[in-house]
Amino acid sequence: MSAAHTDVPSVLAHELPRPVPAAEFAACPVTEVFRRVGDKWSMLVVIVLGQRPHRYNELHRAIEGISQRMLTRTLRGLEADGLVDRTVAATVPPSVSYSLTPLGRSLLEPLSALADWAVAHAGAFGRRA
């Protein structure tokens, strides 16, 4: 970007085709991130794991209202996306803990920026004028 365009948000820096082709939208890496960020539980799990690693039951107790099935599905999805690491300790019974990967940790900064924006605009966002 040239110095004259430094105030242009990156999402506006590139011209989109009109209409936006469905296949291009589906293949866009931003779309996949928004799907993950927009699901009900994923970002809450990322935030909790951002504090420190957790064992499964500890994580389940830390998030009120999430079922064991949904927590398992969420953790598997985050693991498949490369955001969460699952570590099994060779104990009897096996001990499983979850932590953020470096990629998952790198999500905390933009997630924090979005959260800060949401708090700053809590009275205005989601309400029609």
Foldseek 3Di string as FASTA:
>chain_A
DDPVCPVPPPVPPDDADVPHDPVCCVPDPVNVVCVQVPDDPQVVLLVVLLVDKDWLVRSVVVDPPADSVRSVVSQVVCVVVQQKDWDWDPDVVITIIIHGDPVSNVVVVVVVVVVVVCVVCVVPPPDDD
